[in-house]
Amino acid sequence: MQSPHSDPALPSVAQSGIAAVNGARVYYETYGASAPLVLLHAGIADRRQWDDQIAAFAQHHLVIRYDHRGWGRSDAPAGPVAFHEDLYGLLCALGIARAGAGHLHGRDDGD
């Protein structure tokens, strides 16, 4: 599913959509190709926090960014959430079962 963006600075989305992850609907976008780079947003933002970095990262990586539960286009949590389990579920849904070949970059939730 392709999703146009209003920001001309962003490269074309390779893939976007909703993945069923641990009983929730999680919105994601991918850009570029090569080794995966997963971007995790802070607890005060959503996936758009990374808009300014996507073009540079996508030159060398398959960039995966998504909205954590309760943020952006993802479902709100119905109870306690283990974000690492949601990340693993999303990677499995995208066919990236082995993240050891990629990179993870995140922001602090301030906890």
C-alpha atoms as a PDB file:
ATOM      1  CA  MET A   1       0.000   0.000   0.000  1.00  0.00           C
ATOM      2  CA  GLN A   2       1.565   3.299  -1.046  1.00  0.00           C
ATOM      3  CA  SER A   3       0.942   6.445   0.959  1.00  0.00           C
ATOM      4  CA  PRO A   4       1.697   9.900  -0.477  1.00  0.00           C
ATOM      5  CA  HIS A   5       3.263  12.455   1.844  1.00  0.00           C
ATOM      6  CA  SER A   6       2.692  16.187   1.940  1.00  0.00           C
ATOM      7  CA  ASP A   7       6.350  16.830   2.846  1.00  0.00           C
ATOM      8  CA  PRO A   8       8.414  17.016  -0.369  1.00  0.00           C
ATOM      9  CA  ALA A   9      11.655  16.462   1.610  1.00  0.00           C
ATOM     10  CA  LEU A  10      10.672  12.854   2.354  1.00  0.00           C
ATOM     11  CA  PRO A  11      11.677  10.181  -0.156  1.00  0.00           C
ATOM     12  CA  SER A  12       8.996   7.932  -1.630  1.00  0.00           C
ATOM     13  CA  VAL A  13       7.569   5.388   0.748  1.00  0.00           C
ATOM     14  CA  ALA A  14       8.606   1.866  -0.237  1.00  0.00           C
ATOM     15  CA  GLN A  15       5.820   0.326   1.832  1.00  0.00           C
ATOM     16  CA  SER A  16       3.305   1.535   4.388  1.00  0.00           C
ATOM     17  CA  GLY A  17       0.308   0.098   6.101  1.00  0.00           C
ATOM     18  CA  ILE A  18      -1.190  -1.416   9.187  1.00  0.00           C
ATOM     19  CA  ALA A  19       0.309  -4.594  10.645  1.00  0.00           C
ATOM     20  CA  ALA A  20      -1.546  -6.830  13.080  1.00  0.00           C
ATOM     21  CA  VAL A  21       0.840  -6.986  16.036  1.00  0.00           C
ATOM     22  CA  ASN A  22      -0.018  -8.686  19.337  1.00  0.00           C
ATOM     23  CA  GLY A  23      -3.725  -7.963  18.962  1.00  0.00           C
ATOM     24  CA  ALA A  24      -3.266  -4.338  17.905  1.00  0.00           C
ATOM     25  CA  ARG A  25      -3.104  -2.457  14.612  1.00  0.00           C
ATOM     26  CA  VAL A  26       0.328  -0.804  14.246  1.00  0.00           C
ATOM     27  CA  TYR A  27       1.004   1.726  11.486  1.00  0.00           C
ATOM     28  CA  TYR A  28       4.424   1.590   9.798  1.00  0.00           C
ATOM     29  CA  GLU A  29       6.378   2.994   6.843  1.00  0.00           C
ATOM     30  CA  THR A  30       9.532   1.791   5.117  1.00  0.00           C
ATOM     31  CA  TYR A  31      11.982   3.684   2.908  1.00  0.00           C
ATOM     32  CA  GLY A  32      15.105   2.698   0.985  1.00  0.00           C
ATOM     33  CA  ALA A  33      16.782  -0.705   0.888  1.00  0.00           C
ATOM     34  CA  SER A  34      19.742  -2.636   2.331  1.00  0.00           C
ATOM     35  CA  ALA A  35      20.386  -3.357   6.021  1.00  0.00           C
ATOM     36  CA  PRO A  36      17.385  -2.518   8.227  1.00  0.00           C
ATOM     37  CA  LEU A  37      17.417   0.575  10.436  1.00  0.00           C
ATOM     38  CA  VAL A  38      14.466   0.782  12.839  1.00  0.00           C
ATOM     39  CA  LEU A  39      13.626   4.233  14.194  1.00  0.00           C
ATOM     40  CA  LEU A  40      11.836   4.409  17.555  1.00  0.00           C
ATOM     41  CA  HIS A  41      10.135   7.685  18.447  1.00  0.00           C
ATOM     42  CA  ALA A  42      10.130   9.368  21.850  1.00  0.00           C
ATOM     43  CA  GLY A  43       7.173   9.203  24.218  1.00  0.00           C
ATOM     44  CA  ILE A  44       6.084  12.712  23.253  1.00  0.00           C
ATOM     45  CA  ALA A  45       6.005  12.191  19.476  1.00  0.00           C
ATOM     46  CA  ASP A  46       5.081   9.763  16.721  1.00  0.00           C
ATOM     47  CA  ARG A  47       6.938   8.393  13.666  1.00  0.00           C
ATOM     48  CA  ARG A  48       7.056  11.887  12.108  1.00  0.00           C
ATOM     49  CA  GLN A  49       9.740  12.814  14.639  1.00  0.00           C
ATOM     50  CA  TRP A  50      12.185  11.344  12.094  1.00  0.00           C
ATOM     51  CA  ASP A  51      11.014  13.311   9.011  1.00  0.00           C
ATOM     52  CA  ASP A  52      14.230  15.339   8.764  1.00  0.00           C
ATOM     53  CA  GLN A  53      16.478  12.249   8.894  1.00  0.00           C
ATOM     54  CA  ILE A  54      14.625   9.830   6.585  1.00  0.00           C
ATOM     55  CA  ALA A  55      16.218  10.937   3.286  1.00  0.00           C
ATOM     56  CA  ALA A  56      19.781  10.585   4.613  1.00  0.00           C
ATOM     57  CA  PHE A  57      19.156   7.246   6.337  1.00  0.00           C
ATOM     58  CA  ALA A  58      17.293   5.781   3.329  1.00  0.00           C
ATOM     59  CA  GLN A  59      20.383   6.227   1.128  1.00  0.00           C
ATOM     60  CA  HIS A  60      22.100   3.399   3.032  1.00  0.00           C
ATOM     61  CA  HIS A  61      19.372   1.462   4.866  1.00  0.00           C
ATOM     62  CA  LEU A  62      15.927  -0.025   4.728  1.00  0.00           C
ATOM     63  CA  VAL A  63      14.425   2.490   7.148  1.00  0.00           C
ATOM     64  CA  ILE A  64      11.482   1.257   9.203  1.00  0.00           C
ATOM     65  CA  ARG A  65       9.554   3.708  11.313  1.00  0.00           C
ATOM     66  CA  TYR A  66       6.259   3.086  13.059  1.00  0.00           C
ATOM     67  CA  ASP A  67       3.844   4.581  15.545  1.00  0.00           C
ATOM     68  CA  HIS A  68       3.991   2.948  18.955  1.00  0.00           C
ATOM     69  CA  ARG A  69       0.626   1.950  20.383  1.00  0.00           C
ATOM     70  CA  GLY A  70      -1.370   4.996  21.409  1.00  0.00           C
ATOM     71  CA  TRP A  71       0.506   7.325  19.041  1.00  0.00           C
ATOM     72  CA  GLY A  72      -0.148   8.482  15.483  1.00  0.00           C
ATOM     73  CA  ARG A  73      -2.128   5.965  13.451  1.00  0.00           C
ATOM     74  CA  SER A  74      -1.624   2.944  15.748  1.00  0.00           C
ATOM     75  CA  ASP A  75      -4.264   1.580  18.117  1.00  0.00           C
ATOM     76  CA  ALA A  76      -4.323   2.759  21.700  1.00  0.00           C
ATOM     77  CA  PRO A  77      -3.247   0.087  24.183  1.00  0.00           C
ATOM     78  CA  ALA A  78      -6.054  -1.763  25.961  1.00  0.00           C
ATOM     79  CA  GLY A  79      -3.754  -2.604  28.859  1.00  0.00           C
ATOM     80  CA  PRO A  80      -0.078  -2.990  29.647  1.00  0.00           C
ATOM     81  CA  VAL A  81       2.183  -2.978  26.592  1.00  0.00           C
ATOM     82  CA  ALA A  82       5.625  -4.476  26.074  1.00  0.00           C
ATOM     83  CA  PHE A  83       7.040  -2.245  23.336  1.00  0.00           C
ATOM     84  CA  HIS A  84       9.896  -4.652  22.599  1.00  0.00           C
ATOM     85  CA  GLU A  85       7.331  -7.377  21.851  1.00  0.00           C
ATOM     86  CA  ASP A  86       5.467  -5.018  19.500  1.00  0.00           C
ATOM     87  CA  LEU A  87       8.728  -4.229  17.714  1.00  0.00           C
ATOM     88  CA  TYR A  88       9.527  -7.919  17.314  1.00  0.00           C
ATOM     89  CA  GLY A  89       5.978  -8.593  16.073  1.00  0.00           C
ATOM     90  CA  LEU A  90       6.263  -5.807  13.501  1.00  0.00           C
ATOM     91  CA  LEU A  91       9.625  -7.092  12.258  1.00  0.00           C
ATOM     92  CA  CYS A  92       8.131 -10.574  11.891  1.00  0.00           C
ATOM     93  CA  ALA A  93       5.105  -9.156  10.038  1.00  0.00           C
ATOM     94  CA  LEU A  94       7.500  -7.392   7.651  1.00  0.00           C
ATOM     95  CA  GLY A  95       9.500 -10.568   7.103  1.00  0.00           C
ATOM     96  CA  ILE A  96      12.543  -9.290   8.968  1.00  0.00           C
ATOM     97  CA  ALA A  97      12.899 -12.064  11.501  1.00  0.00           C
ATOM     98  CA  ARG A  98      16.562 -11.438  12.221  1.00  0.00           C
ATOM     99  CA  ALA A  99      17.237  -7.869  13.316  1.00  0.00           C
ATOM    100  CA  GLY A 100      20.833  -8.706  14.251  1.00  0.00           C
ATOM    101  CA  ALA A 101      21.816  -7.753  10.714  1.00  0.00           C
ATOM    102  CA  GLY A 102      20.366  -4.267  11.152  1.00  0.00           C
ATOM    103  CA  HIS A 103      20.353  -1.269  13.464  1.00  0.00           C
ATOM    104  CA  LEU A 104      18.044   0.229  16.062  1.00  0.00           C
ATOM    105  CA  HIS A 105      17.927   3.946  16.822  1.00  0.00           C
ATOM    106  CA  GLY A 106      15.605   5.430  19.419  1.00  0.00           C
ATOM    107  CA  ARG A 107      14.771   8.398  21.557  1.00  0.00           C
ATOM    108  CA  ASP A 108      14.344   8.514  25.303  1.00  0.00           C
ATOM    109  CA  ASP A 109      10.821   8.400  26.708  1.00  0.00           C
ATOM    110  CA  GLY A 110      11.994  10.563  29.603  1.00  0.00           C
ATOM    111  CA  ASP A 111      11.256   7.923  32.248  1.00  0.00           C
END
